[in-house]
mmCIF file of all heavy atoms, coordinates in Angstrom:
data_MODEL
# 
_entry.id   MODEL 
# 
loop_
_atom_site.group_PDB 
_atom_site.id 
_atom_site.type_symbol 
_atom_site.label_atom_id 
_atom_site.label_alt_id 
_atom_site.label_comp_id 
_atom_site.label_asym_id 
_atom_site.label_entity_id 
_atom_site.label_seq_id 
_atom_site.pdbx_PDB_ins_code 
_atom_site.Cartn_x 
_atom_site.Cartn_y 
_atom_site.Cartn_z 
_atom_site.occupancy 
_atom_site.B_iso_or_equiv 
_atom_site.pdbx_formal_charge 
_atom_site.auth_seq_id 
_atom_site.auth_comp_id 
_atom_site.auth_asym_id 
_atom_site.auth_atom_id 
_atom_site.pdbx_PDB_model_num 
ATOM 1   N N   . LEU A 1 1  ? 103.692 93.552  104.701 1.00 0.00 ? 1  LEU A N   1 
ATOM 2   C CA  . LEU A 1 1  ? 103.064 92.593  105.615 1.00 0.00 ? 1  LEU A CA  1 
ATOM 3   C C   . LEU A 1 1  ? 101.938 91.840  104.912 1.00 0.00 ? 1  LEU A C   1 
ATOM 4   O O   . LEU A 1 1  ? 101.740 90.638  105.139 1.00 0.00 ? 1  LEU A O   1 
ATOM 5   C CB  . LEU A 1 1  ? 102.530 93.313  106.849 1.00 0.00 ? 1  LEU A CB  1 
ATOM 6   C CG  . LEU A 1 1  ? 103.579 93.804  107.848 1.00 0.00 ? 1  LEU A CG  1 
ATOM 7   C CD1 . LEU A 1 1  ? 102.944 94.715  108.893 1.00 0.00 ? 1  LEU A CD1 1 
ATOM 8   C CD2 . LEU A 1 1  ? 104.263 92.629  108.528 1.00 0.00 ? 1  LEU A CD2 1 
ATOM 9   N N   . ARG A 1 2  ? 101.220 92.532  104.059 1.00 0.00 ? 2  ARG A N   1 
ATOM 10  C CA  . ARG A 1 2  ? 100.125 91.889  103.322 1.00 0.00 ? 2  ARG A CA  1 
ATOM 11  C C   . ARG A 1 2  ? 100.678 90.797  102.397 1.00 0.00 ? 2  ARG A C   1 
ATOM 12  O O   . ARG A 1 2  ? 100.141 89.685  102.326 1.00 0.00 ? 2  ARG A O   1 
ATOM 13  C CB  . ARG A 1 2  ? 99.369  92.945  102.520 1.00 0.00 ? 2  ARG A CB  1 
ATOM 14  C CG  . ARG A 1 2  ? 98.062  92.452  101.920 1.00 0.00 ? 2  ARG A CG  1 
ATOM 15  C CD  . ARG A 1 2  ? 97.287  93.624  101.358 1.00 0.00 ? 2  ARG A CD  1 
ATOM 16  N NE  . ARG A 1 2  ? 96.024  93.190  100.750 1.00 0.00 ? 2  ARG A NE  1 
ATOM 17  C CZ  . ARG A 1 2  ? 95.135  94.005  100.221 1.00 0.00 ? 2  ARG A CZ  1 
ATOM 18  N NH1 . ARG A 1 2  ? 95.365  95.301  100.213 1.00 0.00 ? 2  ARG A NH1 1 
ATOM 19  N NH2 . ARG A 1 2  ? 94.017  93.544  99.685  1.00 0.00 ? 2  ARG A NH2 1 
ATOM 20  N N   . SER A 1 3  ? 101.771 91.114  101.690 1.00 0.00 ? 3  SER A N   1 
ATOM 21  C CA  . SER A 1 3  ? 102.409 90.110  100.832 1.00 0.00 ? 3  SER A CA  1 
ATOM 22  C C   . SER A 1 3  ? 102.987 88.971  101.664 1.00 0.00 ? 3  SER A C   1 
ATOM 23  O O   . SER A 1 3  ? 102.920 87.803  101.265 1.00 0.00 ? 3  SER A O   1 
ATOM 24  C CB  . SER A 1 3  ? 103.520 90.759  99.997  1.00 0.00 ? 3  SER A CB  1 
ATOM 25  O OG  . SER A 1 3  ? 102.982 91.667  99.056  1.00 0.00 ? 3  SER A OG  1 
ATOM 26  N N   . ALA A 1 4  ? 103.554 89.322  102.822 1.00 0.00 ? 4  ALA A N   1 
ATOM 27  C CA  . ALA A 1 4  ? 104.141 88.302  103.696 1.00 0.00 ? 4  ALA A CA  1 
ATOM 28  C C   . ALA A 1 4  ? 103.088 87.312  104.173 1.00 0.00 ? 4  ALA A C   1 
ATOM 29  O O   . ALA A 1 4  ? 103.320 86.096  104.218 1.00 0.00 ? 4  ALA A O   1 
ATOM 30  C CB  . ALA A 1 4  ? 104.827 88.971  104.889 1.00 0.00 ? 4  ALA A CB  1 
ATOM 31  N N   . ASP A 1 5  ? 101.920 87.811  104.514 1.00 0.00 ? 5  ASP A N   1 
ATOM 32  C CA  . ASP A 1 5  ? 100.832 86.938  104.946 1.00 0.00 ? 5  ASP A CA  1 
ATOM 33  C C   . ASP A 1 5  ? 100.421 86.005  103.816 1.00 0.00 ? 5  ASP A C   1 
ATOM 34  O O   . ASP A 1 5  ? 100.257 84.798  104.005 1.00 0.00 ? 5  ASP A O   1 
ATOM 35  C CB  . ASP A 1 5  ? 99.649  87.792  105.406 1.00 0.00 ? 5  ASP A CB  1 
ATOM 36  C CG  . ASP A 1 5  ? 98.459  86.965  105.883 1.00 0.00 ? 5  ASP A CG  1 
ATOM 37  O OD1 . ASP A 1 5  ? 98.687  85.913  106.500 1.00 0.00 ? 5  ASP A OD1 1 
ATOM 38  O OD2 . ASP A 1 5  ? 97.317  87.365  105.614 1.00 0.00 ? 5  ASP A OD2 1 
ATOM 39  N N   . ALA A 1 6  ? 100.272 86.570  102.617 1.00 0.00 ? 6  ALA A N   1 
ATOM 40  C CA  . ALA A 1 6  ? 99.847  85.771  101.471 1.00 0.00 ? 6  ALA A CA  1 
ATOM 41  C C   . ALA A 1 6  ? 100.861 84.696  101.114 1.00 0.00 ? 6  ALA A C   1 
ATOM 42  O O   . ALA A 1 6  ? 100.500 83.611  100.649 1.00 0.00 ? 6  ALA A O   1 
ATOM 43  C CB  . ALA A 1 6  ? 99.601  86.686  100.269 1.00 0.00 ? 6  ALA A CB  1 
ATOM 44  N N   . ALA A 1 7  ? 102.143 84.981  101.339 1.00 0.00 ? 7  ALA A N   1 
ATOM 45  C CA  . ALA A 1 7  ? 103.202 84.040  100.985 1.00 0.00 ? 7  ALA A CA  1 
ATOM 46  C C   . ALA A 1 7  ? 103.522 83.052  102.099 1.00 0.00 ? 7  ALA A C   1 
ATOM 47  O O   . ALA A 1 7  ? 104.360 82.167  101.914 1.00 0.00 ? 7  ALA A O   1 
ATOM 48  C CB  . ALA A 1 7  ? 104.463 84.808  100.594 1.00 0.00 ? 7  ALA A CB  1 
ATOM 49  N N   . GLY A 1 8  ? 102.876 83.189  103.256 1.00 0.00 ? 8  GLY A N   1 
ATOM 50  C CA  . GLY A 1 8  ? 103.126 82.269  104.361 1.00 0.00 ? 8  GLY A CA  1 
ATOM 51  C C   . GLY A 1 8  ? 104.456 82.492  105.062 1.00 0.00 ? 8  GLY A C   1 
ATOM 52  O O   . GLY A 1 8  ? 105.107 81.542  105.506 1.00 0.00 ? 8  GLY A O   1 
ATOM 53  N N   . VAL A 1 9  ? 104.864 83.755  105.164 1.00 0.00 ? 9  VAL A N   1 
ATOM 54  C CA  . VAL A 1 9  ? 106.143 84.093  105.783 1.00 0.00 ? 9  VAL A CA  1 
ATOM 55  C C   . VAL A 1 9  ? 106.147 83.737  107.271 1.00 0.00 ? 9  VAL A C   1 
ATOM 56  O O   . VAL A 1 9  ? 105.147 83.920  107.974 1.00 0.00 ? 9  VAL A O   1 
ATOM 57  C CB  . VAL A 1 9  ? 106.439 85.599  105.568 1.00 0.00 ? 9  VAL A CB  1 
ATOM 58  C CG1 . VAL A 1 9  ? 107.481 86.119  106.533 1.00 0.00 ? 9  VAL A CG1 1 
ATOM 59  C CG2 . VAL A 1 9  ? 106.873 85.841  104.137 1.00 0.00 ? 9  VAL A CG2 1 
ATOM 60  N N   . THR A 1 10 ? 107.285 83.253  107.734 1.00 0.00 ? 10 THR A N   1 
ATOM 61  C CA  . THR A 1 10 ? 107.436 82.860  109.145 1.00 0.00 ? 10 THR A CA  1 
ATOM 62  C C   . THR A 1 10 ? 107.443 84.076  110.056 1.00 0.00 ? 10 THR A C   1 
ATOM 63  O O   . THR A 1 10 ? 106.812 84.087  111.114 1.00 0.00 ? 10 THR A O   1 
ATOM 64  C CB  . THR A 1 10 ? 108.756 82.082  109.331 1.00 0.00 ? 10 THR A CB  1 
ATOM 65  O OG1 . THR A 1 10 ? 108.783 80.982  108.430 1.00 0.00 ? 10 THR A OG1 1 
ATOM 66  C CG2 . THR A 1 10 ? 108.914 81.611  110.760 1.00 0.00 ? 10 THR A CG2 1 
ATOM 67  N N   . ALA A 1 11 ? 108.179 85.108  109.653 1.00 0.00 ? 11 ALA A N   1 
ATOM 68  C CA  . ALA A 1 11 ? 108.278 86.340  110.445 1.00 0.00 ? 11 ALA A CA  1 
ATOM 69  C C   . ALA A 1 11 ? 108.832 87.446  109.568 1.00 0.00 ? 11 ALA A C   1 
ATOM 70  O O   . ALA A 1 11 ? 109.549 87.193  108.596 1.00 0.00 ? 11 ALA A O   1 
ATOM 71  C CB  . ALA A 1 11 ? 109.162 86.140  111.669 1.00 0.00 ? 11 ALA A CB  1 
ATOM 72  N N   . VAL A 1 12 ? 108.489 88.672  109.919 1.00 0.00 ? 12 VAL A N   1 
ATOM 73  C CA  . VAL A 1 12 ? 109.069 89.856  109.286 1.00 0.00 ? 12 VAL A CA  1 
ATOM 74  C C   . VAL A 1 12 ? 109.948 90.523  110.331 1.00 0.00 ? 12 VAL A C   1 
ATOM 75  O O   . VAL A 1 12 ? 109.509 90.793  111.456 1.00 0.00 ? 12 VAL A O   1 
ATOM 76  C CB  . VAL A 1 12 ? 107.984 90.834  108.797 1.00 0.00 ? 12 VAL A CB  1 
ATOM 77  C CG1 . VAL A 1 12 ? 108.621 92.099  108.220 1.00 0.00 ? 12 VAL A CG1 1 
ATOM 78  C CG2 . VAL A 1 12 ? 107.098 90.161  107.747 1.00 0.00 ? 12 VAL A CG2 1 
ATOM 79  N N   . VAL A 1 13 ? 111.198 90.776  109.968 1.00 0.00 ? 13 VAL A N   1 
ATOM 80  C CA  . VAL A 1 13 ? 112.182 91.317  110.905 1.00 0.00 ? 13 VAL A CA  1 
ATOM 81  C C   . VAL A 1 13 ? 112.653 92.676  110.408 1.00 0.00 ? 13 VAL A C   1 
ATOM 82  O O   . VAL A 1 13 ? 112.908 92.852  109.205 1.00 0.00 ? 13 VAL A O   1 
ATOM 83  C CB  . VAL A 1 13 ? 113.382 90.355  111.045 1.00 0.00 ? 13 VAL A CB  1 
ATOM 84  C CG1 . VAL A 1 13 ? 114.441 90.944  111.968 1.00 0.00 ? 13 VAL A CG1 1 
ATOM 85  C CG2 . VAL A 1 13 ? 112.915 89.000  111.560 1.00 0.00 ? 13 VAL A CG2 1 
ATOM 86  N N   . ALA A 1 14 ? 112.782 93.633  111.324 1.00 0.00 ? 14 ALA A N   1 
ATOM 87  C CA  . ALA A 1 14 ? 113.250 94.973  110.978 1.00 0.00 ? 14 ALA A CA  1 
ATOM 88  C C   . ALA A 1 14 ? 114.025 95.545  112.160 1.00 0.00 ? 14 ALA A C   1 
ATOM 89  O O   . ALA A 1 14 ? 113.801 95.150  113.309 1.00 0.00 ? 14 ALA A O   1 
ATOM 90  C CB  . ALA A 1 14 ? 112.068 95.881  110.640 1.00 0.00 ? 14 ALA A CB  1 
ATOM 91  N N   . PRO A 1 15 ? 114.942 96.465  111.904 1.00 0.00 ? 15 PRO A N   1 
ATOM 92  C CA  . PRO A 1 15 ? 115.658 97.101  113.016 1.00 0.00 ? 15 PRO A CA  1 
ATOM 93  C C   . PRO A 1 15 ? 114.752 98.059  113.778 1.00 0.00 ? 15 PRO A C   1 
ATOM 94  O O   . PRO A 1 15 ? 113.782 98.585  113.222 1.00 0.00 ? 15 PRO A O   1 
ATOM 95  C CB  . PRO A 1 15 ? 116.796 97.849  112.314 1.00 0.00 ? 15 PRO A CB  1 
ATOM 96  C CG  . PRO A 1 15 ? 116.280 98.114  110.941 1.00 0.00 ? 15 PRO A CG  1 
ATOM 97  C CD  . PRO A 1 15 ? 115.402 96.950  110.591 1.00 0.00 ? 15 PRO A CD  1 
ATOM 98  N N   . LYS A 1 16 ? 115.079 98.273  115.044 1.00 0.00 ? 16 LYS A N   1 
ATOM 99  C CA  . LYS A 1 16 ? 114.295 99.212  115.846 1.00 0.00 ? 16 LYS A CA  1 
ATOM 100 C C   . LYS A 1 16 ? 114.571 100.655 115.449 1.00 0.00 ? 16 LYS A C   1 
ATOM 101 O O   . LYS A 1 16 ? 113.683 101.508 115.501 1.00 0.00 ? 16 LYS A O   1 
ATOM 102 C CB  . LYS A 1 16 ? 114.608 99.013  117.335 1.00 0.00 ? 16 LYS A CB  1 
ATOM 103 C CG  . LYS A 1 16 ? 114.046 97.725  117.915 1.00 0.00 ? 16 LYS A CG  1 
ATOM 104 C CD  . LYS A 1 16 ? 114.340 97.626  119.406 1.00 0.00 ? 16 LYS A CD  1 
ATOM 105 C CE  . LYS A 1 16 ? 113.726 96.348  119.987 1.00 0.00 ? 16 LYS A CE  1 
ATOM 106 N NZ  . LYS A 1 16 ? 114.038 96.193  121.432 1.00 0.00 ? 16 LYS A NZ  1 
ATOM 107 N N   . ASP A 1 17 ? 115.812 100.945 115.077 1.00 0.00 ? 17 ASP A N   1 
ATOM 108 C CA  . ASP A 1 17 ? 116.194 102.311 114.718 1.00 0.00 ? 17 ASP A CA  1 
ATOM 109 C C   . ASP A 1 17 ? 115.971 102.573 113.237 1.00 0.00 ? 17 ASP A C   1 
ATOM 110 O O   . ASP A 1 17 ? 116.180 101.700 112.392 1.00 0.00 ? 17 ASP A O   1 
ATOM 111 C CB  . ASP A 1 17 ? 117.668 102.551 115.062 1.00 0.00 ? 17 ASP A CB  1 
ATOM 112 C CG  . ASP A 1 17 ? 117.927 102.483 116.564 1.00 0.00 ? 17 ASP A CG  1 
ATOM 113 O OD1 . ASP A 1 17 ? 116.987 102.768 117.337 1.00 0.00 ? 17 ASP A OD1 1 
ATOM 114 O OD2 . ASP A 1 17 ? 119.056 102.128 116.955 1.00 0.00 ? 17 ASP A OD2 1 
ATOM 115 N N   . ASN A 1 18 ? 115.575 103.794 112.923 1.00 0.00 ? 18 ASN A N   1 
ATOM 116 C CA  . ASN A 1 18 ? 115.389 104.219 111.531 1.00 0.00 ? 18 ASN A CA  1 
ATOM 117 C C   . ASN A 1 18 ? 114.502 103.265 110.751 1.00 0.00 ? 18 ASN A C   1 
ATOM 118 O O   . ASN A 1 18 ? 114.795 102.908 109.602 1.00 0.00 ? 18 ASN A O   1 
ATOM 119 C CB  . ASN A 1 18 ? 116.753 104.358 110.833 1.00 0.00 ? 18 ASN A CB  1 
ATOM 120 C CG  . ASN A 1 18 ? 117.645 105.381 111.509 1.00 0.00 ? 18 ASN A CG  1 
ATOM 121 O OD1 . ASN A 1 18 ? 117.195 106.472 111.846 1.00 0.00 ? 18 ASN A OD1 1 
ATOM 122 N ND2 . ASN A 1 18 ? 118.897 105.018 111.743 1.00 0.00 ? 18 ASN A ND2 1 
ATOM 123 N N   . SER A 1 19 ? 113.426 102.851 111.380 1.00 0.00 ? 19 SER A N   1 
ATOM 124 C CA  . SER A 1 19 ? 112.505 101.908 110.750 1.00 0.00 ? 19 SER A CA  1 
ATOM 125 C C   . SER A 1 19 ? 111.116 102.134 111.342 1.00 0.00 ? 19 SER A C   1 
ATOM 126 O O   . SER A 1 19 ? 110.979 102.342 112.548 1.00 0.00 ? 19 SER A O   1 
ATOM 127 C CB  . SER A 1 19 ? 112.974 100.477 111.014 1.00 0.00 ? 19 SER A CB  1 
ATOM 128 O OG  . SER A 1 19 ? 112.083 99.541  110.461 1.00 0.00 ? 19 SER A OG  1 
ATOM 129 N N   . VAL A 1 20 ? 110.092 102.082 110.509 1.00 0.00 ? 20 VAL A N   1 
ATOM 130 C CA  . VAL A 1 20 ? 108.739 102.298 110.992 1.00 0.00 ? 20 VAL A CA  1 
ATOM 131 C C   . VAL A 1 20 ? 108.235 101.051 111.730 1.00 0.00 ? 20 VAL A C   1 
ATOM 132 O O   . VAL A 1 20 ? 108.580 99.922  111.372 1.00 0.00 ? 20 VAL A O   1 
ATOM 133 C CB  . VAL A 1 20 ? 107.793 102.654 109.812 1.00 0.00 ? 20 VAL A CB  1 
ATOM 134 C CG1 . VAL A 1 20 ? 107.617 101.485 108.867 1.00 0.00 ? 20 VAL A CG1 1 
ATOM 135 C CG2 . VAL A 1 20 ? 106.446 103.138 110.319 1.00 0.00 ? 20 VAL A CG2 1 
ATOM 136 N N   . GLY A 1 21 ? 107.457 101.272 112.780 1.00 0.00 ? 21 GLY A N   1 
ATOM 137 C CA  . GLY A 1 21 ? 106.848 100.168 113.507 1.00 0.00 ? 21 GLY A CA  1 
ATOM 138 C C   . GLY A 1 21 ? 105.368 100.061 113.174 1.00 0.00 ? 21 GLY A C   1 
ATOM 139 O O   . GLY A 1 21 ? 104.851 100.762 112.301 1.00 0.00 ? 21 GLY A O   1 
ATOM 140 N N   . LEU A 1 22 ? 104.689 99.171  113.868 1.00 0.00 ? 22 LEU A N   1 
ATOM 141 C CA  . LEU A 1 22 ? 103.260 98.994  113.639 1.00 0.00 ? 22 LEU A CA  1 
ATOM 142 C C   . LEU A 1 22 ? 102.495 100.214 114.138 1.00 0.00 ? 22 LEU A C   1 
ATOM 143 O O   . LEU A 1 22 ? 102.768 100.733 115.213 1.00 0.00 ? 22 LEU A O   1 
ATOM 144 C CB  . LEU A 1 22 ? 102.759 97.734  114.349 1.00 0.00 ? 22 LEU A CB  1 
ATOM 145 C CG  . LEU A 1 22 ? 103.364 96.406  113.897 1.00 0.00 ? 22 LEU A CG  1 
ATOM 146 C CD1 . LEU A 1 22 ? 102.762 95.262  114.690 1.00 0.00 ? 22 LEU A CD1 1 
ATOM 147 C CD2 . LEU A 1 22 ? 103.154 96.192  112.404 1.00 0.00 ? 22 LEU A CD2 1 
ATOM 148 N N   . GLY A 1 23 ? 101.526 100.644 113.362 1.00 0.00 ? 23 GLY A N   1 
ATOM 149 C CA  . GLY A 1 23 ? 100.685 101.771 113.729 1.00 0.00 ? 23 GLY A CA  1 
ATOM 150 C C   . GLY A 1 23 ? 99.386  101.708 112.950 1.00 0.00 ? 23 GLY A C   1 
ATOM 151 O O   . GLY A 1 23 ? 99.150  100.779 112.168 1.00 0.00 ? 23 GLY A O   1 
ATOM 152 N N   . ALA A 1 24 ? 98.534  102.702 113.143 1.00 0.00 ? 24 ALA A N   1 
ATOM 153 C CA  . ALA A 1 24 ? 97.206  102.677 112.529 1.00 0.00 ? 24 ALA A CA  1 
ATOM 154 C C   . ALA A 1 24 ? 97.269  102.583 111.014 1.00 0.00 ? 24 ALA A C   1 
ATOM 155 O O   . ALA A 1 24 ? 96.510  101.829 110.391 1.00 0.00 ? 24 ALA A O   1 
ATOM 156 C CB  . ALA A 1 24 ? 96.420  103.924 112.948 1.00 0.00 ? 24 ALA A CB  1 
ATOM 157 N N   . THR A 1 25 ? 98.161  103.349 110.388 1.00 0.00 ? 25 THR A N   1 
ATOM 158 C CA  . THR A 1 25 ? 98.256  103.313 108.933 1.00 0.00 ? 25 THR A CA  1 
ATOM 159 C C   . THR A 1 25 ? 98.730  101.949 108.447 1.00 0.00 ? 25 THR A C   1 
ATOM 160 O O   . THR A 1 25 ? 98.228  101.415 107.450 1.00 0.00 ? 25 THR A O   1 
ATOM 161 C CB  . THR A 1 25 ? 99.210  104.411 108.423 1.00 0.00 ? 25 THR A CB  1 
ATOM 162 O OG1 . THR A 1 25 ? 98.698  105.693 108.810 1.00 0.00 ? 25 THR A OG1 1 
ATOM 163 C CG2 . THR A 1 25 ? 99.341  104.372 106.909 1.00 0.00 ? 25 THR A CG2 1 
# 
């Protein structure tokens, strides 16, 4: 996400299953 912000990414997409979501870490 940090690299995506720096590169001006439109969106980051990931599957709901078997994938980490947003959290404190």
